[in-house]
């Protein structure tokens, strides 16, 4: 396998990994933030 193809594979793999980690972390944080605002300030969960 040549070096160019190896670099493309590594960059693609890292991109997929980082986007998956971002979604895994951001969704629960967003839900907790909305529940906190609902309890603390009485905002709707849909705002």
C-alpha atoms as a PDB file:
ATOM      1  CA  UNK A   1       0.000   0.000   0.000  1.00  0.00           C
ATOM      2  CA  UNK A   2       1.490   3.349  -0.931  1.00  0.00           C
ATOM      3  CA  UNK A   3       1.947   6.208   1.516  1.00  0.00           C
ATOM      4  CA  UNK A   4      -0.748   8.448  -0.019  1.00  0.00           C
ATOM      5  CA  UNK A   5      -3.451   5.807   0.374  1.00  0.00           C
ATOM      6  CA  UNK A   6      -2.320   5.122   3.938  1.00  0.00           C
ATOM      7  CA  UNK A   7      -2.582   8.826   4.837  1.00  0.00           C
ATOM      8  CA  UNK A   8      -6.066   9.049   3.315  1.00  0.00           C
ATOM      9  CA  UNK A   9      -7.183   5.976   5.298  1.00  0.00           C
ATOM     10  CA  UNK A  10      -5.818   7.369   8.566  1.00  0.00           C
ATOM     11  CA  UNK A  11      -7.388  10.808   8.040  1.00  0.00           C
ATOM     12  CA  UNK A  12     -10.744   9.259   7.108  1.00  0.00           C
ATOM     13  CA  UNK A  13     -10.675   6.966  10.116  1.00  0.00           C
ATOM     14  CA  UNK A  14      -9.840   9.807  12.498  1.00  0.00           C
ATOM     15  CA  UNK A  15     -12.596  11.963  11.019  1.00  0.00           C
ATOM     16  CA  UNK A  16     -15.169   9.230  11.578  1.00  0.00           C
ATOM     17  CA  UNK A  17     -13.915   8.550  15.084  1.00  0.00           C
ATOM     18  CA  UNK A  18     -13.969  12.203  16.121  1.00  0.00           C
ATOM     19  CA  UNK A  19     -17.456  12.817  14.744  1.00  0.00           C
ATOM     20  CA  UNK A  20     -18.762   9.738  16.563  1.00  0.00           C
ATOM     21  CA  UNK A  21     -17.201  10.842  19.852  1.00  0.00           C
ATOM     22  CA  UNK A  22     -18.653  14.343  19.406  1.00  0.00           C
ATOM     23  CA  UNK A  23     -22.174  12.962  18.939  1.00  0.00           C
ATOM     24  CA  UNK A  24     -21.760  10.530  21.826  1.00  0.00           C
ATOM     25  CA  UNK A  25     -20.808  13.379  24.178  1.00  0.00           C
ATOM     26  CA  UNK A  26     -22.955  16.257  22.899  1.00  0.00           C
ATOM     27  CA  UNK A  27     -26.374  14.578  22.878  1.00  0.00           C
ATOM     28  CA  UNK A  28     -26.479  13.666  26.606  1.00  0.00           C
ATOM     29  CA  UNK A  29     -25.025  17.087  27.516  1.00  0.00           C
ATOM     30  CA  UNK A  30     -27.741  18.836  25.490  1.00  0.00           C
ATOM     31  CA  UNK A  31     -30.489  16.777  27.133  1.00  0.00           C
ATOM     32  CA  UNK A  32     -29.131  17.456  30.641  1.00  0.00           C
ATOM     33  CA  UNK A  33     -28.854  21.179  29.830  1.00  0.00           C
ATOM     34  CA  UNK A  34     -32.479  21.337  28.663  1.00  0.00           C
ATOM     35  CA  UNK A  35     -33.729  19.481  31.745  1.00  0.00           C
ATOM     36  CA  UNK A  36     -31.691  21.812  33.981  1.00  0.00           C
ATOM     37  CA  UNK A  37     -33.205  24.900  32.309  1.00  0.00           C
ATOM     38  CA  UNK A  38     -36.666  23.363  32.670  1.00  0.00           C
ATOM     39  CA  UNK A  39     -36.208  22.798  36.411  1.00  0.00           C
ATOM     40  CA  UNK A  40     -34.312  26.015  37.194  1.00  0.00           C
ATOM     41  CA  UNK A  41     -36.065  28.574  34.972  1.00  0.00           C
ATOM     42  CA  UNK A  42     -39.264  26.886  33.833  1.00  0.00           C
ATOM     43  CA  UNK A  43     -38.391  27.010  30.125  1.00  0.00           C
ATOM     44  CA  UNK A  44     -39.977  24.600  27.685  1.00  0.00           C
ATOM     45  CA  UNK A  45     -37.903  21.613  26.619  1.00  0.00           C
ATOM     46  CA  UNK A  46     -38.558  22.545  22.988  1.00  0.00           C
ATOM     47  CA  UNK A  47     -36.976  26.019  23.029  1.00  0.00           C
END
